[in-house]
Amino acid sequence: SGGTLDDYAVNWFRQAPGKEREGVSCFTRNRDI
């Protein structure tokens, strides 16, 4: 909200209890990578 995801790269991360945050996926703005 307050904008559109079309303008951004979007990544997913996760963090398990007691563990450091981990990058799960990356998705470029152009959706080509």
PDB file of all heavy atoms in Angstrom:
ATOM      1  N   SER A   1       0.855  -1.171   0.000  1.00  0.00           N
ATOM      2  CA  SER A   1       0.000   0.000   0.000  1.00  0.00           C
ATOM      3  C   SER A   1       0.900   1.231   0.000  1.00  0.00           C
ATOM      4  O   SER A   1       2.079   1.149   0.359  1.00  0.00           O
ATOM      5  CB  SER A   1      -0.931   0.016   1.212  1.00  0.00           C
ATOM      6  OG  SER A   1      -0.185   0.045   2.416  1.00  0.00           O
ATOM      7  N   GLY A   2       0.367   2.335  -0.464  1.00  0.00           N
ATOM      8  CA  GLY A   2       1.169   3.545  -0.552  1.00  0.00           C
ATOM      9  C   GLY A   2       2.122   3.522  -1.731  1.00  0.00           C
ATOM     10  O   GLY A   2       3.041   4.342  -1.797  1.00  0.00           O
ATOM     11  N   GLY A   3       1.920   2.596  -2.647  1.00  0.00           N
ATOM     12  CA  GLY A   3       2.772   2.453  -3.818  1.00  0.00           C
ATOM     13  C   GLY A   3       2.497   1.132  -4.487  1.00  0.00           C
ATOM     14  O   GLY A   3       1.597   0.392  -4.082  1.00  0.00           O
ATOM     15  N   THR A   4       3.271   0.823  -5.504  1.00  0.00           N
ATOM     16  CA  THR A   4       3.091  -0.424  -6.226  1.00  0.00           C
ATOM     17  C   THR A   4       4.385  -1.226  -6.238  1.00  0.00           C
ATOM     18  O   THR A   4       5.482  -0.669  -6.365  1.00  0.00           O
ATOM     19  CB  THR A   4       2.632  -0.174  -7.678  1.00  0.00           C
ATOM     20  OG1 THR A   4       2.674  -1.402  -8.403  1.00  0.00           O
ATOM     21  CG2 THR A   4       3.529   0.850  -8.378  1.00  0.00           C
ATOM     22  N   LEU A   5       4.232  -2.544  -6.131  1.00  0.00           N
ATOM     23  CA  LEU A   5       5.390  -3.419  -6.168  1.00  0.00           C
ATOM     24  C   LEU A   5       6.070  -3.415  -7.529  1.00  0.00           C
ATOM     25  O   LEU A   5       7.210  -3.858  -7.664  1.00  0.00           O
ATOM     26  CB  LEU A   5       4.992  -4.840  -5.785  1.00  0.00           C
ATOM     27  CG  LEU A   5       4.551  -5.029  -4.332  1.00  0.00           C
ATOM     28  CD1 LEU A   5       4.045  -6.447  -4.104  1.00  0.00           C
ATOM     29  CD2 LEU A   5       5.678  -4.711  -3.371  1.00  0.00           C
ATOM     30  N   ASP A   6       5.384  -2.913  -8.542  1.00  0.00           N
ATOM     31  CA  ASP A   6       5.986  -2.812  -9.878  1.00  0.00           C
ATOM     32  C   ASP A   6       7.254  -1.966  -9.865  1.00  0.00           C
ATOM     33  O   ASP A   6       8.120  -2.118 -10.721  1.00  0.00           O
ATOM     34  CB  ASP A   6       4.996  -2.184 -10.861  1.00  0.00           C
ATOM     35  CG  ASP A   6       3.915  -3.141 -11.285  1.00  0.00           C
ATOM     36  OD1 ASP A   6       4.079  -4.360 -11.069  1.00  0.00           O
ATOM     37  OD2 ASP A   6       2.901  -2.677 -11.835  1.00  0.00           O
ATOM     38  N   ASP A   7       7.365  -1.074  -8.897  1.00  0.00           N
ATOM     39  CA  ASP A   7       8.490  -0.140  -8.869  1.00  0.00           C
ATOM     40  C   ASP A   7       9.696  -0.667  -8.103  1.00  0.00           C
ATOM     41  O   ASP A   7      10.707   0.030  -7.984  1.00  0.00           O
ATOM     42  CB  ASP A   7       8.041   1.180  -8.229  1.00  0.00           C
ATOM     43  CG  ASP A   7       7.042   1.933  -9.084  1.00  0.00           C
ATOM     44  OD1 ASP A   7       7.017   1.696 -10.309  1.00  0.00           O
ATOM     45  OD2 ASP A   7       6.291   2.761  -8.520  1.00  0.00           O
ATOM     46  N   TYR A   8       9.595  -1.899  -7.604  1.00  0.00           N
ATOM     47  CA  TYR A   8      10.636  -2.376  -6.699  1.00  0.00           C
ATOM     48  C   TYR A   8      11.051  -3.812  -6.980  1.00  0.00           C
ATOM     49  O   TYR A   8      10.246  -4.631  -7.455  1.00  0.00           O
ATOM     50  CB  TYR A   8      10.136  -2.307  -5.249  1.00  0.00           C
ATOM     51  CG  TYR A   8       9.742  -0.927  -4.808  1.00  0.00           C
ATOM     52  CD1 TYR A   8       8.414  -0.522  -4.903  1.00  0.00           C
ATOM     53  CD2 TYR A   8      10.682  -0.034  -4.309  1.00  0.00           C
ATOM     54  CE1 TYR A   8       8.038   0.755  -4.504  1.00  0.00           C
ATOM     55  CE2 TYR A   8      10.304   1.245  -3.904  1.00  0.00           C
ATOM     56  CZ  TYR A   8       8.982   1.623  -4.012  1.00  0.00           C
ATOM     57  OH  TYR A   8       8.611   2.887  -3.605  1.00  0.00           O
ATOM     58  N   ALA A   9      12.283  -4.093  -6.633  1.00  0.00           N
ATOM     59  CA  ALA A   9      12.674  -5.479  -6.464  1.00  0.00           C
ATOM     60  C   ALA A   9      12.053  -5.970  -5.159  1.00  0.00           C
ATOM     61  O   ALA A   9      11.888  -5.194  -4.212  1.00  0.00           O
ATOM     62  CB  ALA A   9      14.191  -5.595  -6.390  1.00  0.00           C
ATOM     63  N   VAL A  10      11.704  -7.232  -5.118  1.00  0.00           N
ATOM     64  CA  VAL A  10      11.073  -7.802  -3.928  1.00  0.00           C
ATOM     65  C   VAL A  10      11.836  -9.046  -3.501  1.00  0.00           C
ATOM     66  O   VAL A  10      12.040  -9.964  -4.306  1.00  0.00           O
ATOM     67  CB  VAL A  10       9.596  -8.149  -4.185  1.00  0.00           C
ATOM     68  CG1 VAL A  10       8.974  -8.781  -2.936  1.00  0.00           C
ATOM     69  CG2 VAL A  10       8.813  -6.913  -4.592  1.00  0.00           C
ATOM     70  N   ASN A  11      12.256  -9.038  -2.273  1.00  0.00           N
ATOM     71  CA  ASN A  11      12.950 -10.196  -1.708  1.00  0.00           C
ATOM     72  C   ASN A  11      12.113 -10.796  -0.583  1.00  0.00           C
ATOM     73  O   ASN A  11      11.329 -10.099   0.062  1.00  0.00           O
ATOM     74  CB  ASN A  11      14.310  -9.792  -1.137  1.00  0.00           C
ATOM     75  CG  ASN A  11      15.310  -9.385  -2.202  1.00  0.00           C
ATOM     76  OD1 ASN A  11      15.006  -9.388  -3.390  1.00  0.00           O
ATOM     77  ND2 ASN A  11      16.508  -9.032  -1.765  1.00  0.00           N
ATOM     78  N   TRP A  12      12.338 -12.066  -0.342  1.00  0.00           N
ATOM     79  CA  TRP A  12      11.764 -12.741   0.816  1.00  0.00           C
ATOM     80  C   TRP A  12      12.903 -13.140   1.757  1.00  0.00           C
ATOM     81  O   TRP A  12      13.961 -13.603   1.316  1.00  0.00           O
ATOM     82  CB  TRP A  12      10.985 -13.984   0.406  1.00  0.00           C
ATOM     83  CG  TRP A  12       9.656 -13.705  -0.217  1.00  0.00           C
ATOM     84  CD1 TRP A  12       9.371 -13.601  -1.544  1.00  0.00           C
ATOM     85  CD2 TRP A  12       8.408 -13.528   0.476  1.00  0.00           C
ATOM     86  NE1 TRP A  12       8.032 -13.350  -1.725  1.00  0.00           N
ATOM     87  CE2 TRP A  12       7.412 -13.304  -0.507  1.00  0.00           C
ATOM     88  CE3 TRP A  12       8.031 -13.538   1.819  1.00  0.00           C
ATOM     89  CZ2 TRP A  12       6.067 -13.085  -0.178  1.00  0.00           C
ATOM     90  CZ3 TRP A  12       6.698 -13.323   2.140  1.00  0.00           C
ATOM     91  CH2 TRP A  12       5.744 -13.097   1.146  1.00  0.00           C
ATOM     92  N   PHE A  13      12.615 -13.005   3.022  1.00  0.00           N
ATOM     93  CA  PHE A  13      13.562 -13.389   4.065  1.00  0.00           C
ATOM     94  C   PHE A  13      12.815 -14.217   5.105  1.00  0.00           C
ATOM     95  O   PHE A  13      11.583 -14.219   5.139  1.00  0.00           O
ATOM     96  CB  PHE A  13      14.148 -12.137   4.749  1.00  0.00           C
ATOM     97  CG  PHE A  13      14.923 -11.248   3.832  1.00  0.00           C
ATOM     98  CD1 PHE A  13      14.280 -10.287   3.069  1.00  0.00           C
ATOM     99  CD2 PHE A  13      16.296 -11.364   3.721  1.00  0.00           C
ATOM    100  CE1 PHE A  13      14.991  -9.462   2.204  1.00  0.00           C
ATOM    101  CE2 PHE A  13      17.017 -10.550   2.871  1.00  0.00           C
ATOM    102  CZ  PHE A  13      16.358  -9.591   2.109  1.00  0.00           C
ATOM    103  N   ARG A  14      13.563 -14.894   5.931  1.00  0.00           N
ATOM    104  CA  ARG A  14      12.950 -15.602   7.041  1.00  0.00           C
ATOM    105  C   ARG A  14      13.880 -15.578   8.239  1.00  0.00           C
ATOM    106  O   ARG A  14      15.095 -15.424   8.090  1.00  0.00           O
ATOM    107  CB  ARG A  14      12.605 -17.043   6.660  1.00  0.00           C
ATOM    108  CG  ARG A  14      13.816 -17.937   6.393  1.00  0.00           C
ATOM    109  CD  ARG A  14      13.349 -19.316   5.907  1.00  0.00           C
ATOM    110  NE  ARG A  14      14.466 -20.223   5.659  1.00  0.00           N
ATOM    111  CZ  ARG A  14      14.329 -21.442   5.146  1.00  0.00           C
ATOM    112  NH1 ARG A  14      13.120 -21.903   4.817  1.00  0.00           N
ATOM    113  NH2 ARG A  14      15.393 -22.198   4.945  1.00  0.00           N
ATOM    114  N   GLN A  15      13.282 -15.713   9.394  1.00  0.00           N
ATOM    115  CA  GLN A  15      14.062 -15.773  10.621  1.00  0.00           C
ATOM    116  C   GLN A  15      13.429 -16.774  11.569  1.00  0.00           C
ATOM    117  O   GLN A  15      12.280 -16.605  11.984  1.00  0.00           O
ATOM    118  CB  GLN A  15      14.166 -14.406  11.286  1.00  0.00           C
ATOM    119  CG  GLN A  15      15.125 -14.379  12.454  1.00  0.00           C
ATOM    120  CD  GLN A  15      15.507 -12.980  12.868  1.00  0.00           C
ATOM    121  OE1 GLN A  15      14.830 -12.008  12.540  1.00  0.00           O
ATOM    122  NE2 GLN A  15      16.614 -12.853  13.595  1.00  0.00           N
ATOM    123  N   ALA A  16      14.179 -17.788  11.866  1.00  0.00           N
ATOM    124  CA  ALA A  16      13.730 -18.806  12.809  1.00  0.00           C
ATOM    125  C   ALA A  16      14.106 -18.377  14.225  1.00  0.00           C
ATOM    126  O   ALA A  16      15.063 -17.609  14.412  1.00  0.00           O
ATOM    127  CB  ALA A  16      14.369 -20.142  12.480  1.00  0.00           C
ATOM    128  N   PRO A  17      13.380 -18.865  15.212  1.00  0.00           N
ATOM    129  CA  PRO A  17      13.699 -18.501  16.601  1.00  0.00           C
ATOM    130  C   PRO A  17      15.154 -18.814  16.945  1.00  0.00           C
ATOM    131  O   PRO A  17      15.630 -19.915  16.678  1.00  0.00           O
ATOM    132  CB  PRO A  17      12.742 -19.370  17.420  1.00  0.00           C
ATOM    133  CG  PRO A  17      11.605 -19.639  16.499  1.00  0.00           C
ATOM    134  CD  PRO A  17      12.203 -19.735  15.135  1.00  0.00           C
ATOM    135  N   GLY A  18      15.840 -17.833  17.483  1.00  0.00           N
ATOM    136  CA  GLY A  18      17.214 -18.033  17.896  1.00  0.00           C
ATOM    137  C   GLY A  18      18.230 -18.055  16.775  1.00  0.00           C
ATOM    138  O   GLY A  18      19.408 -18.339  17.009  1.00  0.00           O
ATOM    139  N   LYS A  19      17.768 -17.774  15.557  1.00  0.00           N
ATOM    140  CA  LYS A  19      18.695 -17.810  14.416  1.00  0.00           C
ATOM    141  C   LYS A  19      18.732 -16.453  13.726  1.00  0.00           C
ATOM    142  O   LYS A  19      17.840 -15.628  13.886  1.00  0.00           O
ATOM    143  CB  LYS A  19      18.277 -18.893  13.424  1.00  0.00           C
ATOM    144  CG  LYS A  19      18.400 -20.308  13.978  1.00  0.00           C
ATOM    145  CD  LYS A  19      18.184 -21.338  12.899  1.00  0.00           C
ATOM    146  CE  LYS A  19      18.413 -22.739  13.428  1.00  0.00           C
ATOM    147  NZ  LYS A  19      18.234 -23.767  12.353  1.00  0.00           N
ATOM    148  N   GLU A  20      19.752 -16.261  12.925  1.00  0.00           N
ATOM    149  CA  GLU A  20      19.866 -15.025  12.165  1.00  0.00           C
ATOM    150  C   GLU A  20      18.907 -15.040  10.979  1.00  0.00           C
ATOM    151  O   GLU A  20      18.497 -16.095  10.497  1.00  0.00           O
ATOM    152  CB  GLU A  20      21.308 -14.852  11.666  1.00  0.00           C
ATOM    153  CG  GLU A  20      22.323 -14.618  12.770  1.00  0.00           C
ATOM    154  CD  GLU A  20      23.696 -14.273  12.230  1.00  0.00           C
ATOM    155  OE1 GLU A  20      23.886 -14.315  11.006  1.00  0.00           O
ATOM    156  OE2 GLU A  20      24.584 -13.968  13.049  1.00  0.00           O
ATOM    157  N   ARG A  21      18.568 -13.850  10.545  1.00  0.00           N
ATOM    158  CA  ARG A  21      17.724 -13.722   9.360  1.00  0.00           C
ATOM    159  C   ARG A  21      18.437 -14.321   8.135  1.00  0.00           C
ATOM    160  O   ARG A  21      19.637 -14.143   7.965  1.00  0.00           O
ATOM    161  CB  ARG A  21      17.422 -12.247   9.123  1.00  0.00           C
ATOM    162  CG  ARG A  21      16.511 -11.964   7.945  1.00  0.00           C
ATOM    163  CD  ARG A  21      16.195 -10.489   7.888  1.00  0.00           C
ATOM    164  NE  ARG A  21      17.404  -9.683   7.827  1.00  0.00           N
ATOM    165  CZ  ARG A  21      17.429  -8.373   8.035  1.00  0.00           C
ATOM    166  NH1 ARG A  21      16.325  -7.735   8.333  1.00  0.00           N
ATOM    167  NH2 ARG A  21      18.577  -7.704   7.952  1.00  0.00           N
ATOM    168  N   GLU A  22      17.667 -14.970   7.319  1.00  0.00           N
ATOM    169  CA  GLU A  22      18.191 -15.637   6.122  1.00  0.00           C
ATOM    170  C   GLU A  22      17.461 -15.128   4.888  1.00  0.00           C
ATOM    171  O   GLU A  22      16.218 -15.041   4.885  1.00  0.00           O
ATOM    172  CB  GLU A  22      17.998 -17.154   6.243  1.00  0.00           C
ATOM    173  CG  GLU A  22      18.416 -17.947   5.031  1.00  0.00           C
ATOM    174  CD  GLU A  22      18.029 -19.410   5.122  1.00  0.00           C
ATOM    175  OE1 GLU A  22      17.192 -19.761   5.967  1.00  0.00           O
ATOM    176  OE2 GLU A  22      18.564 -20.205   4.331  1.00  0.00           O
ATOM    177  N   GLY A  23      18.198 -14.803   3.862  1.00  0.00           N
ATOM    178  CA  GLY A  23      17.571 -14.443   2.602  1.00  0.00           C
ATOM    179  C   GLY A  23      17.052 -15.686   1.910  1.00  0.00           C
ATOM    180  O   GLY A  23      17.772 -16.681   1.799  1.00  0.00           O
ATOM    181  N   VAL A  24      15.825 -15.640   1.457  1.00  0.00           N
ATOM    182  CA  VAL A  24      15.185 -16.794   0.836  1.00  0.00           C
ATOM    183  C   VAL A  24      15.168 -16.671  -0.684  1.00  0.00           C
ATOM    184  O   VAL A  24      15.496 -17.620  -1.398  1.00  0.00           O
ATOM    185  CB  VAL A  24      13.751 -16.964   1.363  1.00  0.00           C
ATOM    186  CG1 VAL A  24      13.011 -18.061   0.611  1.00  0.00           C
ATOM    187  CG2 VAL A  24      13.757 -17.239   2.863  1.00  0.00           C
ATOM    188  N   SER A  25      14.767 -15.493  -1.164  1.00  0.00           N
ATOM    189  CA  SER A  25      14.661 -15.327  -2.605  1.00  0.00           C
ATOM    190  C   SER A  25      14.817 -13.858  -2.963  1.00  0.00           C
ATOM    191  O   SER A  25      14.595 -12.978  -2.129  1.00  0.00           O
ATOM    192  CB  SER A  25      13.319 -15.846  -3.121  1.00  0.00           C
ATOM    193  OG  SER A  25      12.274 -15.021  -2.672  1.00  0.00           O
ATOM    194  N   CYS A  26      15.195 -13.622  -4.210  1.00  0.00           N
ATOM    195  CA  CYS A  26      15.238 -12.258  -4.729  1.00  0.00           C
ATOM    196  C   CYS A  26      14.567 -12.245  -6.094  1.00  0.00           C
ATOM    197  O   CYS A  26      14.597 -13.240  -6.833  1.00  0.00           O
ATOM    198  CB  CYS A  26      16.655 -11.726  -4.816  1.00  0.00           C
ATOM    199  SG  CYS A  26      17.780 -12.741  -5.784  1.00  0.00           S
ATOM    200  N   PHE A  27      13.980 -11.117  -6.419  1.00  0.00           N
ATOM    201  CA  PHE A  27      13.126 -10.991  -7.607  1.00  0.00           C
ATOM    202  C   PHE A  27      13.315  -9.575  -8.083  1.00  0.00           C
ATOM    203  O   PHE A  27      12.877  -8.635  -7.428  1.00  0.00           O
ATOM    204  CB  PHE A  27      11.691 -11.263  -7.157  1.00  0.00           C
ATOM    205  CG  PHE A  27      10.684 -11.533  -8.235  1.00  0.00           C
ATOM    206  CD1 PHE A  27      11.033 -11.950  -9.494  1.00  0.00           C
ATOM    207  CD2 PHE A  27       9.324 -11.401  -7.952  1.00  0.00           C
ATOM    208  CE1 PHE A  27      10.090 -12.218 -10.465  1.00  0.00           C
ATOM    209  CE2 PHE A  27       8.361 -11.671  -8.916  1.00  0.00           C
ATOM    210  CZ  PHE A  27       8.738 -12.073 -10.169  1.00  0.00           C
ATOM    211  N   THR A  28      14.010  -9.387  -9.200  1.00  0.00           N
ATOM    212  CA  THR A  28      14.353  -8.040  -9.620  1.00  0.00           C
ATOM    213  C   THR A  28      13.120  -7.248 -10.058  1.00  0.00           C
ATOM    214  O   THR A  28      12.067  -7.813 -10.371  1.00  0.00           O
ATOM    215  CB  THR A  28      15.351  -8.086 -10.776  1.00  0.00           C
ATOM    216  OG1 THR A  28      14.791  -8.884 -11.831  1.00  0.00           O
ATOM    217  CG2 THR A  28      16.673  -8.683 -10.350  1.00  0.00           C
ATOM    218  N   ARG A  29      13.280  -5.958 -10.137  1.00  0.00           N
ATOM    219  CA  ARG A  29      12.177  -5.072 -10.499  1.00  0.00           C
ATOM    220  C   ARG A  29      11.627  -5.436 -11.870  1.00  0.00           C
ATOM    221  O   ARG A  29      10.417  -5.425 -12.089  1.00  0.00           O
ATOM    222  CB  ARG A  29      12.641  -3.631 -10.481  1.00  0.00           C
ATOM    223  CG  ARG A  29      11.596  -2.650 -10.942  1.00  0.00           C
ATOM    224  CD  ARG A  29      12.121  -1.244 -10.999  1.00  0.00           C
ATOM    225  NE  ARG A  29      11.157  -0.355 -11.636  1.00  0.00           N
ATOM    226  CZ  ARG A  29      11.370   0.915 -11.900  1.00  0.00           C
ATOM    227  NH1 ARG A  29      12.530   1.472 -11.565  1.00  0.00           N
ATOM    228  NH2 ARG A  29      10.446   1.654 -12.472  1.00  0.00           N
ATOM    229  N   ASN A  30      12.499  -5.735 -12.820  1.00  0.00           N
ATOM    230  CA  ASN A  30      12.054  -6.106 -14.163  1.00  0.00           C
ATOM    231  C   ASN A  30      11.545  -7.542 -14.238  1.00  0.00           C
ATOM    232  O   ASN A  30      11.098  -7.988 -15.298  1.00  0.00           O
ATOM    233  CB  ASN A  30      13.196  -5.938 -15.159  1.00  0.00           C
ATOM    234  CG  ASN A  30      13.568  -4.487 -15.369  1.00  0.00           C
ATOM    235  OD1 ASN A  30      12.731  -3.606 -15.179  1.00  0.00           O
ATOM    236  ND2 ASN A  30      14.809  -4.237 -15.745  1.00  0.00           N
ATOM    237  N   ARG A  31      11.663  -8.240 -13.110  1.00  0.00           N
ATOM    238  CA  ARG A  31      11.202  -9.636 -13.020  1.00  0.00           C
ATOM    239  C   ARG A  31      11.944 -10.536 -14.002  1.00  0.00           C
ATOM    240  O   ARG A  31      11.436 -11.597 -14.384  1.00  0.00           O
ATOM    241  CB  ARG A  31       9.685  -9.754 -13.256  1.00  0.00           C
ATOM    242  CG  ARG A  31       8.849  -8.707 -12.558  1.00  0.00           C
ATOM    243  CD  ARG A  31       9.124  -8.647 -11.077  1.00  0.00           C
ATOM    244  NE  ARG A  31       8.310  -7.623 -10.402  1.00  0.00           N
ATOM    245  CZ  ARG A  31       8.611  -7.054  -9.260  1.00  0.00           C
ATOM    246  NH1 ARG A  31       9.726  -7.367  -8.640  1.00  0.00           N
ATOM    247  NH2 ARG A  31       7.811  -6.151  -8.719  1.00  0.00           N
ATOM    248  N   ASP A  32      13.184 -10.116 -14.361  1.00  0.00           N
ATOM    249  CA  ASP A  32      13.940 -10.928 -15.301  1.00  0.00           C
ATOM    250  C   ASP A  32      14.956 -11.827 -14.614  1.00  0.00           C
ATOM    251  O   ASP A  32      15.542 -12.713 -15.250  1.00  0.00           O
ATOM    252  CB  ASP A  32      14.651 -10.037 -16.326  1.00  0.00           C
ATOM    253  CG  ASP A  32      15.538  -8.986 -15.680  1.00  0.00           C
ATOM    254  OD1 ASP A  32      15.432  -8.779 -14.453  1.00  0.00           O
ATOM    255  OD2 ASP A  32      16.329  -8.362 -16.411  1.00  0.00           O
ATOM    256  N   ILE A  33      15.175 -11.608 -13.324  1.00  0.00           N
ATOM    257  CA  ILE A  33      16.124 -12.430 -12.581  1.00  0.00           C
ATOM    258  C   ILE A  33      15.461 -12.857 -11.280  1.00  0.00           C
ATOM    259  O   ILE A  33      14.913 -12.035 -10.549  1.00  0.00           O
ATOM    260  CB  ILE A  33      17.430 -11.677 -12.261  1.00  0.00           C
ATOM    261  CG1 ILE A  33      18.093 -11.177 -13.542  1.00  0.00           C
ATOM    262  CG2 ILE A  33      18.386 -12.584 -11.484  1.00  0.00           C
ATOM    263  CD1 ILE A  33      19.296 -10.286 -13.299  1.00  0.00           C
TER     264      ILE A  33
END
